[in-house]
């Protein structure tokens, strides 16, 4: 019987060795632990510092009514932090080991129902329902994502750790806490409504040229044309000045409505 036990143990070790598993690994279940700087599909893994995660969520002005998606969610810390604030939050991560680690972390923090994770390629994933998008990627990847982001619902907030969107200027930026030593800055963009074109107004028209959230153009009323200034979009909200007056309004589809100098109403209809 003793010889049989020894033979069985030897066979088991031989099988584990053939599968690339050491005897120590077989007897001791070591949880997966990522290493800072480990390679990934598009970027190496570097976690966002906990304090900056909270600042990014503050910057995005998240509420429990939001749905946050973190692109390249790593160990799940941003998704979990959002879920702790009452949000539904979802992470997309290419590394399956990080996905499983994130799920375990979310369960351990008691937010496994609100914090979900999927293994996948961010460029092949649908996150169009998100009202907040967070990321810690490279600028080149941000720029690849830019057309996808710009097609999202106006008003969606996008927050990036450290890396920008190229020539798309941020609406807001912050620096991390004083003791932060690396990757200490965050940027926010608000997806603007698309308003470029000609808009009919009572007594004239508004012509707009758009570059991301920034606007230029001409307001013509009663035959008098005036260049607009200080003009921009913030989600669906449009604001500009013309002929000493301040126009503020909201763009929805092919119609804009608002007020001039906080009193007089104005409307505009997009021309086809």
C-alpha atoms as a PDB file:
ATOM      1  CA  UNK A   1       0.000   0.000   0.000  1.00  0.00           C
ATOM      2  CA  UNK A   2       2.850   2.389   0.833  1.00  0.00           C
ATOM      3  CA  UNK A   3       4.458   1.748  -2.562  1.00  0.00           C
ATOM      4  CA  UNK A   4       1.137   2.417  -4.262  1.00  0.00           C
ATOM      5  CA  UNK A   5       0.770   5.779  -2.485  1.00  0.00           C
ATOM      6  CA  UNK A   6       4.287   6.798  -3.492  1.00  0.00           C
ATOM      7  CA  UNK A   7       3.632   5.788  -7.117  1.00  0.00           C
ATOM      8  CA  UNK A   8       0.324   7.729  -7.177  1.00  0.00           C
ATOM      9  CA  UNK A   9       2.015  10.855  -5.817  1.00  0.00           C
ATOM     10  CA  UNK A  10       4.787  10.576  -8.395  1.00  0.00           C
ATOM     11  CA  UNK A  11       2.265  10.234 -11.203  1.00  0.00           C
ATOM     12  CA  UNK A  12       0.360  13.287  -9.957  1.00  0.00           C
ATOM     13  CA  UNK A  13       3.520  15.409  -9.849  1.00  0.00           C
ATOM     14  CA  UNK A  14       4.476  14.213 -13.338  1.00  0.00           C
ATOM     15  CA  UNK A  15       1.044  15.248 -14.657  1.00  0.00           C
ATOM     16  CA  UNK A  16       1.242  18.673 -12.980  1.00  0.00           C
ATOM     17  CA  UNK A  17       4.721  19.177 -14.415  1.00  0.00           C
ATOM     18  CA  UNK A  18       3.464  18.335 -17.893  1.00  0.00           C
ATOM     19  CA  UNK A  19       0.769  20.966 -17.457  1.00  0.00           C
ATOM     20  CA  UNK A  20       3.338  23.562 -16.413  1.00  0.00           C
ATOM     21  CA  UNK A  21       2.155  23.640 -12.748  1.00  0.00           C
ATOM     22  CA  UNK A  22       4.611  23.362  -9.878  1.00  0.00           C
ATOM     23  CA  UNK A  23       3.982  21.204  -6.830  1.00  0.00           C
ATOM     24  CA  UNK A  24       3.909  24.346  -4.671  1.00  0.00           C
ATOM     25  CA  UNK A  25       1.274  25.954  -6.939  1.00  0.00           C
ATOM     26  CA  UNK A  26      -0.762  22.773  -6.818  1.00  0.00           C
ATOM     27  CA  UNK A  27      -0.835  22.705  -3.019  1.00  0.00           C
ATOM     28  CA  UNK A  28      -1.046  26.478  -2.440  1.00  0.00           C
ATOM     29  CA  UNK A  29      -3.675  28.472  -4.392  1.00  0.00           C
ATOM     30  CA  UNK A  30      -1.891  31.794  -4.951  1.00  0.00           C
ATOM     31  CA  UNK A  31      -4.321  34.572  -5.964  1.00  0.00           C
ATOM     32  CA  UNK A  32      -3.469  36.450  -9.146  1.00  0.00           C
ATOM     33  CA  UNK A  33      -1.672  39.708  -8.377  1.00  0.00           C
ATOM     34  CA  UNK A  34      -0.880  42.132 -11.232  1.00  0.00           C
ATOM     35  CA  UNK A  35       2.480  43.867 -11.411  1.00  0.00           C
ATOM     36  CA  UNK A  36       2.773  47.571 -12.135  1.00  0.00           C
ATOM     37  CA  UNK A  37       4.188  47.936 -15.630  1.00  0.00           C
ATOM     38  CA  UNK A  38       3.102  44.522 -16.840  1.00  0.00           C
ATOM     39  CA  UNK A  39       2.350  44.504 -20.585  1.00  0.00           C
ATOM     40  CA  UNK A  40      -1.202  44.588 -21.899  1.00  0.00           C
ATOM     41  CA  UNK A  41      -2.814  44.614 -25.323  1.00  0.00           C
ATOM     42  CA  UNK A  42      -2.290  48.326 -25.999  1.00  0.00           C
ATOM     43  CA  UNK A  43      -0.686  49.744 -22.844  1.00  0.00           C
ATOM     44  CA  UNK A  44       1.198  48.552 -19.786  1.00  0.00           C
ATOM     45  CA  UNK A  45      -0.802  48.336 -16.574  1.00  0.00           C
ATOM     46  CA  UNK A  46      -0.356  51.237 -14.169  1.00  0.00           C
ATOM     47  CA  UNK A  47      -3.176  51.772 -11.661  1.00  0.00           C
ATOM     48  CA  UNK A  48      -4.697  55.208 -11.117  1.00  0.00           C
ATOM     49  CA  UNK A  49      -3.925  56.459  -7.628  1.00  0.00           C
ATOM     50  CA  UNK A  50      -6.914  56.148  -5.299  1.00  0.00           C
ATOM     51  CA  UNK A  51      -7.061  59.870  -4.540  1.00  0.00           C
ATOM     52  CA  UNK A  52      -7.093  60.744  -8.245  1.00  0.00           C
ATOM     53  CA  UNK A  53      -9.856  58.203  -8.868  1.00  0.00           C
ATOM     54  CA  UNK A  54     -12.042  60.109  -6.425  1.00  0.00           C
ATOM     55  CA  UNK A  55     -11.068  63.446  -7.967  1.00  0.00           C
ATOM     56  CA  UNK A  56     -11.954  62.147 -11.428  1.00  0.00           C
ATOM     57  CA  UNK A  57     -15.372  61.059 -10.195  1.00  0.00           C
ATOM     58  CA  UNK A  58     -15.869  64.458  -8.588  1.00  0.00           C
ATOM     59  CA  UNK A  59     -14.808  66.138 -11.823  1.00  0.00           C
ATOM     60  CA  UNK A  60     -17.369  64.089 -13.761  1.00  0.00           C
ATOM     61  CA  UNK A  61     -20.031  65.175 -11.232  1.00  0.00           C
ATOM     62  CA  UNK A  62     -21.353  61.640 -11.027  1.00  0.00           C
ATOM     63  CA  UNK A  63     -24.708  60.892  -9.450  1.00  0.00           C
ATOM     64  CA  UNK A  64     -26.490  57.591  -8.726  1.00  0.00           C
ATOM     65  CA  UNK A  65     -28.457  58.161 -11.940  1.00  0.00           C
ATOM     66  CA  UNK A  66     -25.299  57.877 -14.054  1.00  0.00           C
ATOM     67  CA  UNK A  67     -23.939  54.816 -15.816  1.00  0.00           C
ATOM     68  CA  UNK A  68     -20.139  54.838 -15.859  1.00  0.00           C
ATOM     69  CA  UNK A  69     -17.944  52.779 -18.174  1.00  0.00           C
ATOM     70  CA  UNK A  70     -14.201  52.516 -17.541  1.00  0.00           C
ATOM     71  CA  UNK A  71     -12.179  51.678 -20.650  1.00  0.00           C
ATOM     72  CA  UNK A  72      -9.236  49.465 -19.749  1.00  0.00           C
ATOM     73  CA  UNK A  73     -10.496  48.913 -16.218  1.00  0.00           C
ATOM     74  CA  UNK A  74      -7.449  47.066 -14.839  1.00  0.00           C
ATOM     75  CA  UNK A  75      -8.038  45.864 -11.287  1.00  0.00           C
ATOM     76  CA  UNK A  76     -11.457  47.539 -11.220  1.00  0.00           C
ATOM     77  CA  UNK A  77     -10.688  50.349  -8.795  1.00  0.00           C
ATOM     78  CA  UNK A  78     -12.475  53.130 -10.719  1.00  0.00           C
ATOM     79  CA  UNK A  79     -15.565  51.004 -11.330  1.00  0.00           C
ATOM     80  CA  UNK A  80     -15.670  49.934  -7.688  1.00  0.00           C
ATOM     81  CA  UNK A  81     -15.200  53.508  -6.431  1.00  0.00           C
ATOM     82  CA  UNK A  82     -18.079  54.635  -8.652  1.00  0.00           C
ATOM     83  CA  UNK A  83     -20.283  51.777  -7.467  1.00  0.00           C
ATOM     84  CA  UNK A  84     -19.612  52.794  -3.865  1.00  0.00           C
ATOM     85  CA  UNK A  85     -21.172  56.153  -4.744  1.00  0.00           C
ATOM     86  CA  UNK A  86     -24.350  54.391  -5.828  1.00  0.00           C
ATOM     87  CA  UNK A  87     -23.724  54.311  -9.592  1.00  0.00           C
ATOM     88  CA  UNK A  88     -24.071  51.399 -11.949  1.00  0.00           C
ATOM     89  CA  UNK A  89     -20.558  51.045 -13.303  1.00  0.00           C
ATOM     90  CA  UNK A  90     -18.957  48.724 -15.840  1.00  0.00           C
ATOM     91  CA  UNK A  91     -15.366  47.968 -16.733  1.00  0.00           C
ATOM     92  CA  UNK A  92     -14.011  46.708 -20.056  1.00  0.00           C
ATOM     93  CA  UNK A  93     -10.639  44.990 -19.737  1.00  0.00           C
ATOM     94  CA  UNK A  94      -8.706  42.826 -22.207  1.00  0.00           C
ATOM     95  CA  UNK A  95      -6.763  40.804 -19.617  1.00  0.00           C
ATOM     96  CA  UNK A  96      -9.046  38.002 -18.327  1.00  0.00           C
ATOM     97  CA  UNK A  97      -7.020  37.647 -15.116  1.00  0.00           C
ATOM     98  CA  UNK A  98      -7.628  41.320 -14.311  1.00  0.00           C
ATOM     99  CA  UNK A  99     -11.320  40.866 -15.064  1.00  0.00           C
ATOM    100  CA  UNK A 100     -11.593  38.013 -12.561  1.00  0.00           C
ATOM    101  CA  UNK A 101      -9.560  39.979 -10.007  1.00  0.00           C
ATOM    102  CA  UNK A 102     -11.906  42.952 -10.473  1.00  0.00           C
ATOM    103  CA  UNK A 103     -14.951  40.789  -9.864  1.00  0.00           C
ATOM    104  CA  UNK A 104     -13.428  39.413  -6.678  1.00  0.00           C
ATOM    105  CA  UNK A 105     -12.514  42.916  -5.524  1.00  0.00           C
ATOM    106  CA  UNK A 106     -16.031  44.195  -6.226  1.00  0.00           C
ATOM    107  CA  UNK A 107     -17.583  41.312  -4.297  1.00  0.00           C
ATOM    108  CA  UNK A 108     -15.208  41.894  -1.388  1.00  0.00           C
ATOM    109  CA  UNK A 109     -16.262  45.562  -1.307  1.00  0.00           C
ATOM    110  CA  UNK A 110     -19.944  44.627  -1.342  1.00  0.00           C
ATOM    111  CA  UNK A 111     -20.720  46.218  -4.719  1.00  0.00           C
ATOM    112  CA  UNK A 112     -20.716  43.156  -6.955  1.00  0.00           C
ATOM    113  CA  UNK A 113     -24.245  43.883  -8.214  1.00  0.00           C
ATOM    114  CA  UNK A 114     -23.535  47.475  -9.287  1.00  0.00           C
ATOM    115  CA  UNK A 115     -19.928  46.950 -10.450  1.00  0.00           C
ATOM    116  CA  UNK A 116     -19.687  44.653 -13.469  1.00  0.00           C
ATOM    117  CA  UNK A 117     -16.802  43.716 -15.713  1.00  0.00           C
ATOM    118  CA  UNK A 118     -16.355  42.214 -19.163  1.00  0.00           C
ATOM    119  CA  UNK A 119     -13.334  40.859 -20.966  1.00  0.00           C
ATOM    120  CA  UNK A 120     -13.022  42.561 -24.326  1.00  0.00           C
ATOM    121  CA  UNK A 121     -11.347  44.991 -26.695  1.00  0.00           C
ATOM    122  CA  UNK A 122     -12.419  48.577 -26.009  1.00  0.00           C
ATOM    123  CA  UNK A 123     -12.420  49.307 -29.746  1.00  0.00           C
ATOM    124  CA  UNK A 124     -14.819  46.444 -30.406  1.00  0.00           C
ATOM    125  CA  UNK A 125     -17.109  47.058 -27.423  1.00  0.00           C
ATOM    126  CA  UNK A 126     -20.373  48.986 -27.278  1.00  0.00           C
ATOM    127  CA  UNK A 127     -20.378  51.534 -24.452  1.00  0.00           C
ATOM    128  CA  UNK A 128     -22.782  53.965 -26.106  1.00  0.00           C
ATOM    129  CA  UNK A 129     -25.223  53.903 -23.150  1.00  0.00           C
ATOM    130  CA  UNK A 130     -22.648  55.343 -20.759  1.00  0.00           C
ATOM    131  CA  UNK A 131     -23.251  58.809 -19.356  1.00  0.00           C
ATOM    132  CA  UNK A 132     -19.694  58.917 -17.971  1.00  0.00           C
ATOM    133  CA  UNK A 133     -16.593  57.399 -19.585  1.00  0.00           C
ATOM    134  CA  UNK A 134     -13.291  57.122 -17.725  1.00  0.00           C
ATOM    135  CA  UNK A 135      -9.919  56.000 -19.041  1.00  0.00           C
ATOM    136  CA  UNK A 136      -6.194  55.805 -18.375  1.00  0.00           C
ATOM    137  CA  UNK A 137      -4.797  55.095 -21.815  1.00  0.00           C
ATOM    138  CA  UNK A 138      -2.290  56.775 -24.136  1.00  0.00           C
ATOM    139  CA  UNK A 139      -3.007  59.898 -26.166  1.00  0.00           C
ATOM    140  CA  UNK A 140      -2.793  57.865 -29.388  1.00  0.00           C
ATOM    141  CA  UNK A 141      -5.518  55.541 -28.095  1.00  0.00           C
ATOM    142  CA  UNK A 142      -7.623  58.468 -26.883  1.00  0.00           C
ATOM    143  CA  UNK A 143      -7.441  59.928 -30.378  1.00  0.00           C
ATOM    144  CA  UNK A 144      -8.551  56.604 -31.883  1.00  0.00           C
ATOM    145  CA  UNK A 145     -11.514  56.640 -29.516  1.00  0.00           C
ATOM    146  CA  UNK A 146     -12.333  60.279 -30.244  1.00  0.00           C
ATOM    147  CA  UNK A 147     -14.729  59.687 -33.198  1.00  0.00           C
ATOM    148  CA  UNK A 148     -16.615  57.080 -31.158  1.00  0.00           C
ATOM    149  CA  UNK A 149     -16.883  59.412 -28.191  1.00  0.00           C
ATOM    150  CA  UNK A 150     -18.060  62.350 -30.303  1.00  0.00           C
ATOM    151  CA  UNK A 151     -20.970  60.241 -31.565  1.00  0.00           C
ATOM    152  CA  UNK A 152     -22.197  59.605 -28.025  1.00  0.00           C
ATOM    153  CA  UNK A 153     -25.154  61.381 -26.451  1.00  0.00           C
ATOM    154  CA  UNK A 154     -24.451  65.105 -25.978  1.00  0.00           C
ATOM    155  CA  UNK A 155     -23.703  65.823 -22.349  1.00  0.00           C
ATOM    156  CA  UNK A 156     -21.786  62.581 -21.771  1.00  0.00           C
ATOM    157  CA  UNK A 157     -18.722  63.314 -19.635  1.00  0.00           C
ATOM    158  CA  UNK A 158     -15.345  61.846 -20.549  1.00  0.00           C
ATOM    159  CA  UNK A 159     -12.525  61.917 -17.984  1.00  0.00           C
ATOM    160  CA  UNK A 160      -8.952  60.832 -18.708  1.00  0.00           C
ATOM    161  CA  UNK A 161      -6.032  60.294 -16.359  1.00  0.00           C
ATOM    162  CA  UNK A 162      -2.956  62.171 -17.677  1.00  0.00           C
ATOM    163  CA  UNK A 163      -3.475  61.810 -21.430  1.00  0.00           C
ATOM    164  CA  UNK A 164      -5.320  64.279 -23.669  1.00  0.00           C
ATOM    165  CA  UNK A 165      -7.341  64.047 -26.885  1.00  0.00           C
ATOM    166  CA  UNK A 166      -4.888  65.806 -29.175  1.00  0.00           C
ATOM    167  CA  UNK A 167      -6.370  69.002 -30.610  1.00  0.00           C
ATOM    168  CA  UNK A 168      -9.679  68.517 -28.776  1.00  0.00           C
ATOM    169  CA  UNK A 169      -9.198  70.943 -25.901  1.00  0.00           C
ATOM    170  CA  UNK A 170     -10.556  69.787 -22.526  1.00  0.00           C
ATOM    171  CA  UNK A 171     -13.430  71.578 -20.846  1.00  0.00           C
ATOM    172  CA  UNK A 172     -11.707  71.194 -17.471  1.00  0.00           C
ATOM    173  CA  UNK A 173      -8.452  69.914 -16.021  1.00  0.00           C
ATOM    174  CA  UNK A 174      -7.148  69.316 -12.528  1.00  0.00           C
ATOM    175  CA  UNK A 175      -3.907  68.383 -10.823  1.00  0.00           C
ATOM    176  CA  UNK A 176      -3.679  65.680  -8.196  1.00  0.00           C
ATOM    177  CA  UNK A 177      -2.894  66.138  -4.543  1.00  0.00           C
ATOM    178  CA  UNK A 178       0.435  67.800  -3.578  1.00  0.00           C
ATOM    179  CA  UNK A 179       2.044  64.484  -2.603  1.00  0.00           C
ATOM    180  CA  UNK A 180       1.260  62.924  -5.983  1.00  0.00           C
ATOM    181  CA  UNK A 181       4.477  62.031  -7.820  1.00  0.00           C
ATOM    182  CA  UNK A 182       3.389  60.653 -11.208  1.00  0.00           C
ATOM    183  CA  UNK A 183       0.296  60.554 -13.418  1.00  0.00           C
ATOM    184  CA  UNK A 184      -1.247  63.334 -11.357  1.00  0.00           C
ATOM    185  CA  UNK A 185      -3.449  65.200 -13.849  1.00  0.00           C
ATOM    186  CA  UNK A 186      -6.948  64.572 -15.154  1.00  0.00           C
ATOM    187  CA  UNK A 187      -8.907  66.068 -18.044  1.00  0.00           C
ATOM    188  CA  UNK A 188     -12.637  66.285 -18.725  1.00  0.00           C
ATOM    189  CA  UNK A 189     -14.559  66.718 -21.961  1.00  0.00           C
ATOM    190  CA  UNK A 190     -18.325  67.095 -22.343  1.00  0.00           C
ATOM    191  CA  UNK A 191     -19.639  65.606 -25.580  1.00  0.00           C
ATOM    192  CA  UNK A 192     -21.085  68.529 -27.568  1.00  0.00           C
ATOM    193  CA  UNK A 193     -24.239  68.491 -29.645  1.00  0.00           C
ATOM    194  CA  UNK A 194     -23.532  68.856 -33.356  1.00  0.00           C
ATOM    195  CA  UNK A 195     -24.816  72.245 -34.465  1.00  0.00           C
ATOM    196  CA  UNK A 196     -22.720  73.223 -37.483  1.00  0.00           C
ATOM    197  CA  UNK A 197     -24.782  74.639 -40.345  1.00  0.00           C
ATOM    198  CA  UNK A 198     -27.442  77.245 -41.083  1.00  0.00           C
ATOM    199  CA  UNK A 199     -30.260  77.960 -38.641  1.00  0.00           C
ATOM    200  CA  UNK A 200     -33.348  80.023 -39.463  1.00  0.00           C
ATOM    201  CA  UNK A 201     -34.332  82.624 -36.877  1.00  0.00           C
ATOM    202  CA  UNK A 202     -37.073  85.214 -36.719  1.00  0.00           C
ATOM    203  CA  UNK A 203     -35.824  88.055 -38.898  1.00  0.00           C
ATOM    204  CA  UNK A 204     -32.671  86.305 -40.068  1.00  0.00           C
ATOM    205  CA  UNK A 205     -30.327  83.362 -39.640  1.00  0.00           C
ATOM    206  CA  UNK A 206     -27.459  81.964 -37.606  1.00  0.00           C
ATOM    207  CA  UNK A 207     -24.537  80.326 -39.419  1.00  0.00           C
ATOM    208  CA  UNK A 208     -22.273  78.143 -37.319  1.00  0.00           C
ATOM    209  CA  UNK A 209     -18.948  76.443 -37.873  1.00  0.00           C
ATOM    210  CA  UNK A 210     -17.994  73.919 -35.201  1.00  0.00           C
ATOM    211  CA  UNK A 211     -14.684  72.488 -33.992  1.00  0.00           C
ATOM    212  CA  UNK A 212     -15.503  70.102 -31.159  1.00  0.00           C
ATOM    213  CA  UNK A 213     -17.168  72.330 -28.508  1.00  0.00           C
ATOM    214  CA  UNK A 214     -15.918  75.613 -29.987  1.00  0.00           C
ATOM    215  CA  UNK A 215     -18.052  77.676 -32.370  1.00  0.00           C
ATOM    216  CA  UNK A 216     -17.550  80.509 -34.831  1.00  0.00           C
ATOM    217  CA  UNK A 217     -20.075  82.057 -37.162  1.00  0.00           C
ATOM    218  CA  UNK A 218     -22.350  84.921 -38.097  1.00  0.00           C
ATOM    219  CA  UNK A 219     -25.705  86.101 -36.785  1.00  0.00           C
ATOM    220  CA  UNK A 220     -27.774  88.018 -39.339  1.00  0.00           C
ATOM    221  CA  UNK A 221     -30.851  89.861 -38.109  1.00  0.00           C
ATOM    222  CA  UNK A 222     -32.924  92.315 -40.145  1.00  0.00           C
ATOM    223  CA  UNK A 223     -30.269  92.359 -42.848  1.00  0.00           C
ATOM    224  CA  UNK A 224     -27.386  93.169 -40.486  1.00  0.00           C
ATOM    225  CA  UNK A 225     -24.632  90.552 -40.106  1.00  0.00           C
ATOM    226  CA  UNK A 226     -22.529  90.305 -36.936  1.00  0.00           C
ATOM    227  CA  UNK A 227     -19.709  87.899 -36.131  1.00  0.00           C
ATOM    228  CA  UNK A 228     -20.445  85.909 -33.016  1.00  0.00           C
ATOM    229  CA  UNK A 229     -17.896  85.667 -30.190  1.00  0.00           C
ATOM    230  CA  UNK A 230     -17.267  83.716 -26.985  1.00  0.00           C
ATOM    231  CA  UNK A 231     -19.230  80.900 -28.576  1.00  0.00           C
ATOM    232  CA  UNK A 232     -19.213  77.271 -27.475  1.00  0.00           C
ATOM    233  CA  UNK A 233     -21.220  74.168 -26.732  1.00  0.00           C
ATOM    234  CA  UNK A 234     -21.410  72.463 -23.358  1.00  0.00           C
ATOM    235  CA  UNK A 235     -23.298  69.295 -24.093  1.00  0.00           C
ATOM    236  CA  UNK A 236     -26.587  70.557 -25.523  1.00  0.00           C
ATOM    237  CA  UNK A 237     -26.118  74.053 -24.108  1.00  0.00           C
ATOM    238  CA  UNK A 238     -25.106  76.744 -26.612  1.00  0.00           C
ATOM    239  CA  UNK A 239     -23.871  80.203 -25.714  1.00  0.00           C
ATOM    240  CA  UNK A 240     -22.535  83.087 -27.802  1.00  0.00           C
ATOM    241  CA  UNK A 241     -22.419  86.862 -27.959  1.00  0.00           C
ATOM    242  CA  UNK A 242     -23.401  89.039 -30.896  1.00  0.00           C
ATOM    243  CA  UNK A 243     -23.888  92.799 -31.227  1.00  0.00           C
ATOM    244  CA  UNK A 244     -23.451  93.315 -27.502  1.00  0.00           C
ATOM    245  CA  UNK A 245     -26.063  90.751 -26.514  1.00  0.00           C
ATOM    246  CA  UNK A 246     -25.640  87.335 -24.890  1.00  0.00           C
ATOM    247  CA  UNK A 247     -27.495  84.347 -26.321  1.00  0.00           C
ATOM    248  CA  UNK A 248     -27.939  81.174 -24.262  1.00  0.00           C
ATOM    249  CA  UNK A 249     -29.963  78.179 -25.324  1.00  0.00           C
ATOM    250  CA  UNK A 250     -30.336  74.455 -25.804  1.00  0.00           C
ATOM    251  CA  UNK A 251     -29.940  72.420 -28.993  1.00  0.00           C
ATOM    252  CA  UNK A 252     -32.091  69.348 -29.489  1.00  0.00           C
ATOM    253  CA  UNK A 253     -32.041  67.788 -32.909  1.00  0.00           C
ATOM    254  CA  UNK A 254     -32.849  70.435 -35.505  1.00  0.00           C
ATOM    255  CA  UNK A 255     -34.216  73.004 -33.069  1.00  0.00           C
ATOM    256  CA  UNK A 256     -32.653  75.464 -30.630  1.00  0.00           C
ATOM    257  CA  UNK A 257     -34.453  77.499 -28.004  1.00  0.00           C
ATOM    258  CA  UNK A 258     -33.165  79.984 -25.469  1.00  0.00           C
ATOM    259  CA  UNK A 259     -33.046  83.518 -24.141  1.00  0.00           C
ATOM    260  CA  UNK A 260     -31.228  86.701 -25.015  1.00  0.00           C
ATOM    261  CA  UNK A 261     -29.728  88.540 -22.037  1.00  0.00           C
ATOM    262  CA  UNK A 262     -31.752  86.285 -19.753  1.00  0.00           C
ATOM    263  CA  UNK A 263     -35.077  87.704 -20.877  1.00  0.00           C
ATOM    264  CA  UNK A 264     -36.134  87.744 -24.539  1.00  0.00           C
ATOM    265  CA  UNK A 265     -36.850  84.325 -26.057  1.00  0.00           C
ATOM    266  CA  UNK A 266     -35.188  83.130 -29.250  1.00  0.00           C
ATOM    267  CA  UNK A 267     -35.606  80.029 -31.404  1.00  0.00           C
ATOM    268  CA  UNK A 268     -33.782  78.627 -34.380  1.00  0.00           C
ATOM    269  CA  UNK A 269     -34.535  75.828 -36.868  1.00  0.00           C
ATOM    270  CA  UNK A 270     -31.789  73.994 -38.746  1.00  0.00           C
ATOM    271  CA  UNK A 271     -32.037  74.297 -42.524  1.00  0.00           C
ATOM    272  CA  UNK A 272     -31.747  71.061 -44.451  1.00  0.00           C
END
